[in-house]
Amino acid sequence: TIFNRLFAAQQNTVLEKGADEPLYKPATEAGEQHRVLFRH
């Protein structure tokens, strides 16, 4: 909530849980957001 409130609109980037391995996935198409994925 803290990260997304700060950066979802301003940096088009969201933080998400649940990944088996941490990964940063940049947006590849218009309308997508960059995703910072963390473990479980």
ModelCIF file with pLDDT and N, C-alpha, C, O atoms, coordinates in Angstrom:
data_MODEL
#
_entry.id   MODEL 
#
_entity.id                         1 
_entity.type                       polymer 
_entity.pdbx_number_of_molecules   1 
#
_entity_poly.entity_id                      1 
_entity_poly.type                           'polypeptide(L)' 
_entity_poly.nstd_linkage                   no 
_entity_poly.nstd_monomer                   no 
_entity_poly.pdbx_seq_one_letter_code       TIFNRLFAAQQNTVLEKGADEPLYKPATEAGEQHRVLFRH 
_entity_poly.pdbx_seq_one_letter_code_can   TIFNRLFAAQQNTVLEKGADEPLYKPATEAGEQHRVLFRH 
_entity_poly.pdbx_strand_id                 A 
#
loop_
_entity_poly_seq.entity_id 
_entity_poly_seq.num 
_entity_poly_seq.mon_id 
_entity_poly_seq.hetero 
1 1  THR n 
1 2  ILE n 
1 3  PHE n 
1 4  ASN n 
1 5  ARG n 
1 6  LEU n 
1 7  PHE n 
1 8  ALA n 
1 9  ALA n 
1 10 GLN n 
1 11 GLN n 
1 12 ASN n 
1 13 THR n 
1 14 VAL n 
1 15 LEU n 
1 16 GLU n 
1 17 LYS n 
1 18 GLY n 
1 19 ALA n 
1 20 ASP n 
1 21 GLU n 
1 22 PRO n 
1 23 LEU n 
1 24 TYR n 
1 25 LYS n 
1 26 PRO n 
1 27 ALA n 
1 28 THR n 
1 29 GLU n 
1 30 ALA n 
1 31 GLY n 
1 32 GLU n 
1 33 GLN n 
1 34 HIS n 
1 35 ARG n 
1 36 VAL n 
1 37 LEU n 
1 38 PHE n 
1 39 ARG n 
1 40 HIS n 
#
_struct_asym.id          A 
_struct_asym.entity_id   1 
#
loop_
_ma_qa_metric.id 
_ma_qa_metric.mode 
_ma_qa_metric.name 
_ma_qa_metric.software_group_id 
_ma_qa_metric.type 
1 global pLDDT . pLDDT 
2 local  pLDDT . pLDDT 
#
_ma_qa_metric_global.metric_id      1 
_ma_qa_metric_global.metric_value   96.25 
_ma_qa_metric_global.model_id       1 
_ma_qa_metric_global.ordinal_id     1 
#
loop_
_ma_qa_metric_local.label_asym_id 
_ma_qa_metric_local.label_comp_id 
_ma_qa_metric_local.label_seq_id 
_ma_qa_metric_local.metric_id 
_ma_qa_metric_local.metric_value 
_ma_qa_metric_local.model_id 
_ma_qa_metric_local.ordinal_id 
A THR 1  2 97.00 1 1  
A ILE 2  2 98.00 1 2  
A PHE 3  2 98.00 1 3  
A ASN 4  2 98.00 1 4  
A ARG 5  2 98.00 1 5  
A LEU 6  2 98.00 1 6  
A PHE 7  2 98.00 1 7  
A ALA 8  2 98.00 1 8  
A ALA 9  2 97.00 1 9  
A GLN 10 2 96.00 1 10 
A GLN 11 2 97.00 1 11 
A ASN 12 2 98.00 1 12 
A THR 13 2 98.00 1 13 
A VAL 14 2 98.00 1 14 
A LEU 15 2 98.00 1 15 
A GLU 16 2 98.00 1 16 
A LYS 17 2 96.00 1 17 
A GLY 18 2 93.00 1 18 
A ALA 19 2 94.00 1 19 
A ASP 20 2 92.00 1 20 
A GLU 21 2 90.00 1 21 
A PRO 22 2 93.00 1 22 
A LEU 23 2 95.00 1 23 
A TYR 24 2 97.00 1 24 
A LYS 25 2 97.00 1 25 
A PRO 26 2 98.00 1 26 
A ALA 27 2 97.00 1 27 
A THR 28 2 95.00 1 28 
A GLU 29 2 95.00 1 29 
A ALA 30 2 94.00 1 30 
A GLY 31 2 94.00 1 31 
A GLU 32 2 97.00 1 32 
A GLN 33 2 98.00 1 33 
A HIS 34 2 98.00 1 34 
A ARG 35 2 98.00 1 35 
A VAL 36 2 98.00 1 36 
A LEU 37 2 98.00 1 37 
A PHE 38 2 97.00 1 38 
A ARG 39 2 92.00 1 39 
A HIS 40 2 91.00 1 40 
#
loop_
_atom_site.group_PDB 
_atom_site.id 
_atom_site.type_symbol 
_atom_site.label_atom_id 
_atom_site.label_alt_id 
_atom_site.label_comp_id 
_atom_site.label_asym_id 
_atom_site.label_entity_id 
_atom_site.label_seq_id 
_atom_site.pdbx_PDB_ins_code 
_atom_site.Cartn_x 
_atom_site.Cartn_y 
_atom_site.Cartn_z 
_atom_site.occupancy 
_atom_site.B_iso_or_equiv 
_atom_site.pdbx_formal_charge 
_atom_site.auth_seq_id 
_atom_site.auth_comp_id 
_atom_site.auth_asym_id 
_atom_site.auth_atom_id 
_atom_site.pdbx_PDB_model_num 
ATOM 1   N N  . THR A 1 1  ? 0.837  -1.211  0.000   1.00 97.00 ? 1  THR A N  1 
ATOM 2   C CA . THR A 1 1  ? 0.000  0.000   0.000   1.00 97.00 ? 1  THR A CA 1 
ATOM 3   C C  . THR A 1 1  ? 0.865  1.252   0.000   1.00 97.00 ? 1  THR A C  1 
ATOM 4   O O  . THR A 1 1  ? 0.616  2.181   -0.769  1.00 97.00 ? 1  THR A O  1 
ATOM 5   N N  . ILE A 1 2  ? 1.876  1.282   0.856   1.00 98.00 ? 2  ILE A N  1 
ATOM 6   C CA . ILE A 1 2  ? 2.758  2.450   0.941   1.00 98.00 ? 2  ILE A CA 1 
ATOM 7   C C  . ILE A 1 2  ? 3.479  2.667   -0.388  1.00 98.00 ? 2  ILE A C  1 
ATOM 8   O O  . ILE A 1 2  ? 3.468  3.772   -0.930  1.00 98.00 ? 2  ILE A O  1 
ATOM 9   N N  . PHE A 1 3  ? 4.102  1.616   -0.908  1.00 98.00 ? 3  PHE A N  1 
ATOM 10  C CA . PHE A 1 3  ? 4.848  1.733   -2.157  1.00 98.00 ? 3  PHE A CA 1 
ATOM 11  C C  . PHE A 1 3  ? 3.933  2.170   -3.302  1.00 98.00 ? 3  PHE A C  1 
ATOM 12  O O  . PHE A 1 3  ? 4.252  3.105   -4.036  1.00 98.00 ? 3  PHE A O  1 
ATOM 13  N N  . ASN A 1 4  ? 2.806  1.493   -3.448  1.00 98.00 ? 4  ASN A N  1 
ATOM 14  C CA . ASN A 1 4  ? 1.918  1.785   -4.576  1.00 98.00 ? 4  ASN A CA 1 
ATOM 15  C C  . ASN A 1 4  ? 1.310  3.177   -4.479  1.00 98.00 ? 4  ASN A C  1 
ATOM 16  O O  . ASN A 1 4  ? 1.093  3.831   -5.499  1.00 98.00 ? 4  ASN A O  1 
ATOM 17  N N  . ARG A 1 5  ? 1.034  3.635   -3.269  1.00 98.00 ? 5  ARG A N  1 
ATOM 18  C CA . ARG A 1 5  ? 0.510  5.000   -3.080  1.00 98.00 ? 5  ARG A CA 1 
ATOM 19  C C  . ARG A 1 5  ? 1.551  6.018   -3.541  1.00 98.00 ? 5  ARG A C  1 
ATOM 20  O O  . ARG A 1 5  ? 1.204  7.040   -4.134  1.00 98.00 ? 5  ARG A O  1 
ATOM 21  N N  . LEU A 1 6  ? 2.812  5.740   -3.271  1.00 98.00 ? 6  LEU A N  1 
ATOM 22  C CA . LEU A 1 6  ? 3.887  6.665   -3.638  1.00 98.00 ? 6  LEU A CA 1 
ATOM 23  C C  . LEU A 1 6  ? 4.262  6.600   -5.116  1.00 98.00 ? 6  LEU A C  1 
ATOM 24  O O  . LEU A 1 6  ? 4.523  7.632   -5.734  1.00 98.00 ? 6  LEU A O  1 
ATOM 25  N N  . PHE A 1 7  ? 4.292  5.386   -5.692  1.00 98.00 ? 7  PHE A N  1 
ATOM 26  C CA . PHE A 1 7  ? 4.945  5.219   -6.980  1.00 98.00 ? 7  PHE A CA 1 
ATOM 27  C C  . PHE A 1 7  ? 4.082  4.687   -8.118  1.00 98.00 ? 7  PHE A C  1 
ATOM 28  O O  . PHE A 1 7  ? 4.522  4.727   -9.267  1.00 98.00 ? 7  PHE A O  1 
ATOM 29  N N  . ALA A 1 8  ? 2.880  4.193   -7.855  1.00 98.00 ? 8  ALA A N  1 
ATOM 30  C CA . ALA A 1 8  ? 2.064  3.623   -8.947  1.00 98.00 ? 8  ALA A CA 1 
ATOM 31  C C  . ALA A 1 8  ? 1.766  4.671   -10.015 1.00 98.00 ? 8  ALA A C  1 
ATOM 32  O O  . ALA A 1 8  ? 1.940  4.406   -11.205 1.00 98.00 ? 8  ALA A O  1 
ATOM 33  N N  . ALA A 1 9  ? 1.328  5.834   -9.613  1.00 97.00 ? 9  ALA A N  1 
ATOM 34  C CA . ALA A 1 9  ? 1.019  6.879   -10.596 1.00 97.00 ? 9  ALA A CA 1 
ATOM 35  C C  . ALA A 1 9  ? 2.282  7.631   -11.018 1.00 97.00 ? 9  ALA A C  1 
ATOM 36  O O  . ALA A 1 9  ? 2.509  7.850   -12.208 1.00 97.00 ? 9  ALA A O  1 
ATOM 37  N N  . GLN A 1 10 ? 3.096  8.021   -10.050 1.00 96.00 ? 10 GLN A N  1 
ATOM 38  C CA . GLN A 1 10 ? 4.266  8.853   -10.324 1.00 96.00 ? 10 GLN A CA 1 
ATOM 39  C C  . GLN A 1 10 ? 5.327  8.134   -11.152 1.00 96.00 ? 10 GLN A C  1 
ATOM 40  O O  . GLN A 1 10 ? 5.920  8.733   -12.049 1.00 96.00 ? 10 GLN A O  1 
ATOM 41  N N  . GLN A 1 11 ? 5.574  6.849   -10.860 1.00 97.00 ? 11 GLN A N  1 
ATOM 42  C CA . GLN A 1 11 ? 6.627  6.094   -11.551 1.00 97.00 ? 11 GLN A CA 1 
ATOM 43  C C  . GLN A 1 11 ? 6.078  4.922   -12.376 1.00 97.00 ? 11 GLN A C  1 
ATOM 44  O O  . GLN A 1 11 ? 6.849  4.152   -12.948 1.00 97.00 ? 11 GLN A O  1 
ATOM 45  N N  . ASN A 1 12 ? 4.753  4.789   -12.436 1.00 98.00 ? 12 ASN A N  1 
ATOM 46  C CA . ASN A 1 12 ? 4.108  3.701   -13.162 1.00 98.00 ? 12 ASN A CA 1 
ATOM 47  C C  . ASN A 1 12 ? 4.640  2.333   -12.707 1.00 98.00 ? 12 ASN A C  1 
ATOM 48  O O  . ASN A 1 12 ? 4.834  1.424   -13.514 1.00 98.00 ? 12 ASN A O  1 
ATOM 49  N N  . THR A 1 13 ? 4.869  2.216   -11.395 1.00 98.00 ? 13 THR A N  1 
ATOM 50  C CA . THR A 1 13 ? 5.475  1.005   -10.839 1.00 98.00 ? 13 THR A CA 1 
ATOM 51  C C  . THR A 1 13 ? 4.698  0.555   -9.614  1.00 98.00 ? 13 THR A C  1 
ATOM 52  O O  . THR A 1 13 ? 4.332  1.370   -8.767  1.00 98.00 ? 13 THR A O  1 
ATOM 53  N N  . VAL A 1 14 ? 4.444  -0.766  -9.524  1.00 98.00 ? 14 VAL A N  1 
ATOM 54  C CA . VAL A 1 14 ? 3.744  -1.330  -8.369  1.00 98.00 ? 14 VAL A CA 1 
ATOM 55  C C  . VAL A 1 14 ? 4.586  -2.424  -7.725  1.00 98.00 ? 14 VAL A C  1 
ATOM 56  O O  . VAL A 1 14 ? 5.437  -3.039  -8.367  1.00 98.00 ? 14 VAL A O  1 
ATOM 57  N N  . LEU A 1 15 ? 4.329  -2.645  -6.460  1.00 98.00 ? 15 LEU A N  1 
ATOM 58  C CA . LEU A 1 15 ? 4.967  -3.696  -5.680  1.00 98.00 ? 15 LEU A CA 1 
ATOM 59  C C  . LEU A 1 15 ? 3.965  -4.820  -5.519  1.00 98.00 ? 15 LEU A C  1 
ATOM 60  O O  . LEU A 1 15 ? 2.808  -4.577  -5.177  1.00 98.00 ? 15 LEU A O  1 
ATOM 61  N N  . GLU A 1 16 ? 4.400  -6.065  -5.766  1.00 98.00 ? 16 GLU A N  1 
ATOM 62  C CA . GLU A 1 16 ? 3.499  -7.219  -5.675  1.00 98.00 ? 16 GLU A CA 1 
ATOM 63  C C  . GLU A 1 16 ? 4.166  -8.371  -4.941  1.00 98.00 ? 16 GLU A C  1 
ATOM 64  O O  . GLU A 1 16 ? 5.364  -8.607  -5.097  1.00 98.00 ? 16 GLU A O  1 
ATOM 65  N N  . LYS A 1 17 ? 3.387  -9.085  -4.142  1.00 96.00 ? 17 LYS A N  1 
ATOM 66  C CA . LYS A 1 17 ? 3.900  -10.259 -3.433  1.00 96.00 ? 17 LYS A CA 1 
ATOM 67  C C  . LYS A 1 17 ? 3.527  -11.529 -4.189  1.00 96.00 ? 17 LYS A C  1 
ATOM 68  O O  . LYS A 1 17 ? 2.757  -11.504 -5.149  1.00 96.00 ? 17 LYS A O  1 
ATOM 69  N N  . GLY A 1 18 ? 4.096  -12.640 -3.726  1.00 93.00 ? 18 GLY A N  1 
ATOM 70  C CA . GLY A 1 18 ? 3.676  -13.940 -4.220  1.00 93.00 ? 18 GLY A CA 1 
ATOM 71  C C  . GLY A 1 18 ? 4.586  -14.605 -5.225  1.00 93.00 ? 18 GLY A C  1 
ATOM 72  O O  . GLY A 1 18 ? 4.287  -15.713 -5.671  1.00 93.00 ? 18 GLY A O  1 
ATOM 73  N N  . ALA A 1 19 ? 5.695  -13.969 -5.603  1.00 94.00 ? 19 ALA A N  1 
ATOM 74  C CA . ALA A 1 19 ? 6.592  -14.578 -6.588  1.00 94.00 ? 19 ALA A CA 1 
ATOM 75  C C  . ALA A 1 19 ? 7.406  -15.702 -5.953  1.00 94.00 ? 19 ALA A C  1 
ATOM 76  O O  . ALA A 1 19 ? 7.756  -15.637 -4.775  1.00 94.00 ? 19 ALA A O  1 
ATOM 77  N N  . ASP A 1 20 ? 7.704  -16.733 -6.745  1.00 92.00 ? 20 ASP A N  1 
ATOM 78  C CA . ASP A 1 20 ? 8.593  -17.795 -6.264  1.00 92.00 ? 20 ASP A CA 1 
ATOM 79  C C  . ASP A 1 20 ? 10.017 -17.268 -6.123  1.00 92.00 ? 20 ASP A C  1 
ATOM 80  O O  . ASP A 1 20 ? 10.752 -17.676 -5.224  1.00 92.00 ? 20 ASP A O  1 
ATOM 81  N N  . GLU A 1 21 ? 10.395 -16.371 -7.004  1.00 90.00 ? 21 GLU A N  1 
ATOM 82  C CA . GLU A 1 21 ? 11.699 -15.704 -6.957  1.00 90.00 ? 21 GLU A CA 1 
ATOM 83  C C  . GLU A 1 21 ? 11.470 -14.213 -7.187  1.00 90.00 ? 21 GLU A C  1 
ATOM 84  O O  . GLU A 1 21 ? 10.594 -13.839 -7.966  1.00 90.00 ? 21 GLU A O  1 
ATOM 85  N N  . PRO A 1 22 ? 12.240 -13.364 -6.524  1.00 93.00 ? 22 PRO A N  1 
ATOM 86  C CA . PRO A 1 22 ? 12.087 -11.921 -6.752  1.00 93.00 ? 22 PRO A CA 1 
ATOM 87  C C  . PRO A 1 22 ? 12.427 -11.571 -8.195  1.00 93.00 ? 22 PRO A C  1 
ATOM 88  O O  . PRO A 1 22 ? 13.301 -12.182 -8.810  1.00 93.00 ? 22 PRO A O  1 
ATOM 89  N N  . LEU A 1 23 ? 11.724 -10.584 -8.718  1.00 95.00 ? 23 LEU A N  1 
ATOM 90  C CA . LEU A 1 23 ? 11.939 -10.206 -10.110 1.00 95.00 ? 23 LEU A CA 1 
ATOM 91  C C  . LEU A 1 23 ? 11.388 -8.809  -10.347 1.00 95.00 ? 23 LEU A C  1 
ATOM 92  O O  . LEU A 1 23 ? 10.351 -8.435  -9.798  1.00 95.00 ? 23 LEU A O  1 
ATOM 93  N N  . TYR A 1 24 ? 12.091 -8.046  -11.167 1.00 97.00 ? 24 TYR A N  1 
ATOM 94  C CA . TYR A 1 24 ? 11.567 -6.771  -11.647 1.00 97.00 ? 24 TYR A CA 1 
ATOM 95  C C  . TYR A 1 24 ? 11.144 -6.972  -13.093 1.00 97.00 ? 24 TYR A C  1 
ATOM 96  O O  . TYR A 1 24 ? 11.942 -7.392  -13.931 1.00 97.00 ? 24 TYR A O  1 
ATOM 97  N N  . LYS A 1 25 ? 9.878  -6.667  -13.381 1.00 97.00 ? 25 LYS A N  1 
ATOM 98  C CA . LYS A 1 25 ? 9.351  -6.826  -14.735 1.00 97.00 ? 25 LYS A CA 1 
ATOM 99  C C  . LYS A 1 25 ? 8.910  -5.470  -15.254 1.00 97.00 ? 25 LYS A C  1 
ATOM 100 O O  . LYS A 1 25 ? 7.902  -4.928  -14.801 1.00 97.00 ? 25 LYS A O  1 
ATOM 101 N N  . PRO A 1 26 ? 9.657  -4.919  -16.201 1.00 98.00 ? 26 PRO A N  1 
ATOM 102 C CA . PRO A 1 26 ? 9.254  -3.634  -16.766 1.00 98.00 ? 26 PRO A CA 1 
ATOM 103 C C  . PRO A 1 26 ? 8.011  -3.798  -17.642 1.00 98.00 ? 26 PRO A C  1 
ATOM 104 O O  . PRO A 1 26 ? 7.765  -4.865  -18.205 1.00 98.00 ? 26 PRO A O  1 
ATOM 105 N N  . ALA A 1 27 ? 7.254  -2.744  -17.741 1.00 97.00 ? 27 ALA A N  1 
ATOM 106 C CA . ALA A 1 27 ? 6.089  -2.748  -18.625 1.00 97.00 ? 27 ALA A CA 1 
ATOM 107 C C  . ALA A 1 27 ? 6.566  -2.916  -20.061 1.00 97.00 ? 27 ALA A C  1 
ATOM 108 O O  . ALA A 1 27 ? 7.571  -2.329  -20.464 1.00 97.00 ? 27 ALA A O  1 
ATOM 109 N N  . THR A 1 28 ? 5.846  -3.712  -20.820 1.00 95.00 ? 28 THR A N  1 
ATOM 110 C CA . THR A 1 28 ? 6.237  -3.934  -22.219 1.00 95.00 ? 28 THR A CA 1 
ATOM 111 C C  . THR A 1 28 ? 5.206  -3.391  -23.199 1.00 95.00 ? 28 THR A C  1 
ATOM 112 O O  . THR A 1 28 ? 5.476  -3.277  -24.395 1.00 95.00 ? 28 THR A O  1 
ATOM 113 N N  . GLU A 1 29 ? 4.033  -3.059  -22.691 1.00 95.00 ? 29 GLU A N  1 
ATOM 114 C CA . GLU A 1 29 ? 2.976  -2.534  -23.550 1.00 95.00 ? 29 GLU A CA 1 
ATOM 115 C C  . GLU A 1 29 ? 2.361  -1.291  -22.912 1.00 95.00 ? 29 GLU A C  1 
ATOM 116 O O  . GLU A 1 29 ? 2.418  -1.110  -21.695 1.00 95.00 ? 29 GLU A O  1 
ATOM 117 N N  . ALA A 1 30 ? 1.780  -0.449  -23.742 1.00 94.00 ? 30 ALA A N  1 
ATOM 118 C CA . ALA A 1 30 ? 1.101  0.744   -23.244 1.00 94.00 ? 30 ALA A CA 1 
ATOM 119 C C  . ALA A 1 30 ? 0.007  0.327   -22.264 1.00 94.00 ? 30 ALA A C  1 
ATOM 120 O O  . ALA A 1 30 ? -0.711 -0.645  -22.501 1.00 94.00 ? 30 ALA A O  1 
ATOM 121 N N  . GLY A 1 31 ? -0.111 1.047   -21.190 1.00 94.00 ? 31 GLY A N  1 
ATOM 122 C CA . GLY A 1 31 ? -1.133 0.750   -20.195 1.00 94.00 ? 31 GLY A CA 1 
ATOM 123 C C  . GLY A 1 31 ? -0.681 -0.202  -19.095 1.00 94.00 ? 31 GLY A C  1 
ATOM 124 O O  . GLY A 1 31 ? -1.336 -0.304  -18.058 1.00 94.00 ? 31 GLY A O  1 
ATOM 125 N N  . GLU A 1 32 ? 0.426  -0.896  -19.309 1.00 97.00 ? 32 GLU A N  1 
ATOM 126 C CA . GLU A 1 32 ? 0.971  -1.780  -18.278 1.00 97.00 ? 32 GLU A CA 1 
ATOM 127 C C  . GLU A 1 32 ? 1.781  -0.975  -17.271 1.00 97.00 ? 32 GLU A C  1 
ATOM 128 O O  . GLU A 1 32 ? 2.240  0.132   -17.550 1.00 97.00 ? 32 GLU A O  1 
ATOM 129 N N  . GLN A 1 33 ? 1.940  -1.563  -16.097 1.00 98.00 ? 33 GLN A N  1 
ATOM 130 C CA . GLN A 1 33 ? 2.810  -0.968  -15.085 1.00 98.00 ? 33 GLN A CA 1 
ATOM 131 C C  . GLN A 1 33 ? 4.042  -1.833  -14.891 1.00 98.00 ? 33 GLN A C  1 
ATOM 132 O O  . GLN A 1 33 ? 3.999  -3.050  -15.077 1.00 98.00 ? 33 GLN A O  1 
ATOM 133 N N  . HIS A 1 34 ? 5.143  -1.191  -14.515 1.00 98.00 ? 34 HIS A N  1 
ATOM 134 C CA . HIS A 1 34 ? 6.332  -1.926  -14.111 1.00 98.00 ? 34 HIS A CA 1 
ATOM 135 C C  . HIS A 1 34 ? 5.983  -2.633  -12.806 1.00 98.00 ? 34 HIS A C  1 
ATOM 136 O O  . HIS A 1 34 ? 5.211  -2.114  -11.999 1.00 98.00 ? 34 HIS A O  1 
ATOM 137 N N  . ARG A 1 35 ? 6.557  -3.828  -12.601 1.00 98.00 ? 35 ARG A N  1 
ATOM 138 C CA . ARG A 1 35 ? 6.217  -4.609  -11.408 1.00 98.00 ? 35 ARG A CA 1 
ATOM 139 C C  . ARG A 1 35 ? 7.467  -5.040  -10.656 1.00 98.00 ? 35 ARG A C  1 
ATOM 140 O O  . ARG A 1 35 ? 8.377  -5.647  -11.220 1.00 98.00 ? 35 ARG A O  1 
ATOM 141 N N  . VAL A 1 36 ? 7.488  -4.711  -9.370  1.00 98.00 ? 36 VAL A N  1 
ATOM 142 C CA . VAL A 1 36 ? 8.541  -5.162  -8.463  1.00 98.00 ? 36 VAL A CA 1 
ATOM 143 C C  . VAL A 1 36 ? 7.942  -6.343  -7.699  1.00 98.00 ? 36 VAL A C  1 
ATOM 144 O O  . VAL A 1 36 ? 7.074  -6.162  -6.845  1.00 98.00 ? 36 VAL A O  1 
ATOM 145 N N  . LEU A 1 37 ? 8.408  -7.547  -8.010  1.00 98.00 ? 37 LEU A N  1 
ATOM 146 C CA . LEU A 1 37 ? 7.848  -8.762  -7.416  1.00 98.00 ? 37 LEU A CA 1 
ATOM 147 C C  . LEU A 1 37 ? 8.766  -9.278  -6.320  1.00 98.00 ? 37 LEU A C  1 
ATOM 148 O O  . LEU A 1 37 ? 9.979  -9.372  -6.506  1.00 98.00 ? 37 LEU A O  1 
ATOM 149 N N  . PHE A 1 38 ? 8.173  -9.613  -5.166  1.00 97.00 ? 38 PHE A N  1 
ATOM 150 C CA . PHE A 1 38 ? 8.988  -10.170 -4.090  1.00 97.00 ? 38 PHE A CA 1 
ATOM 151 C C  . PHE A 1 38 ? 8.473  -11.535 -3.689  1.00 97.00 ? 38 PHE A C  1 
ATOM 152 O O  . PHE A 1 38 ? 7.343  -11.912 -4.001  1.00 97.00 ? 38 PHE A O  1 
ATOM 153 N N  . ARG A 1 39 ? 9.335  -12.275 -2.983  1.00 92.00 ? 39 ARG A N  1 
ATOM 154 C CA . ARG A 1 39 ? 9.059  -13.672 -2.634  1.00 92.00 ? 39 ARG A CA 1 
ATOM 155 C C  . ARG A 1 39 ? 7.884  -13.800 -1.681  1.00 92.00 ? 39 ARG A C  1 
ATOM 156 O O  . ARG A 1 39 ? 7.826  -13.157 -0.633  1.00 92.00 ? 39 ARG A O  1 
ATOM 157 N N  . HIS A 1 40 ? 6.966  -14.638 -2.076  1.00 91.00 ? 40 HIS A N  1 
ATOM 158 C CA . HIS A 1 40 ? 5.835  -15.063 -1.261  1.00 91.00 ? 40 HIS A CA 1 
ATOM 159 C C  . HIS A 1 40 ? 5.224  -13.883 -0.511  1.00 91.00 ? 40 HIS A C  1 
ATOM 160 O O  . HIS A 1 40 ? 4.256  -14.057 0.229   1.00 91.00 ? 40 HIS A O  1 
#
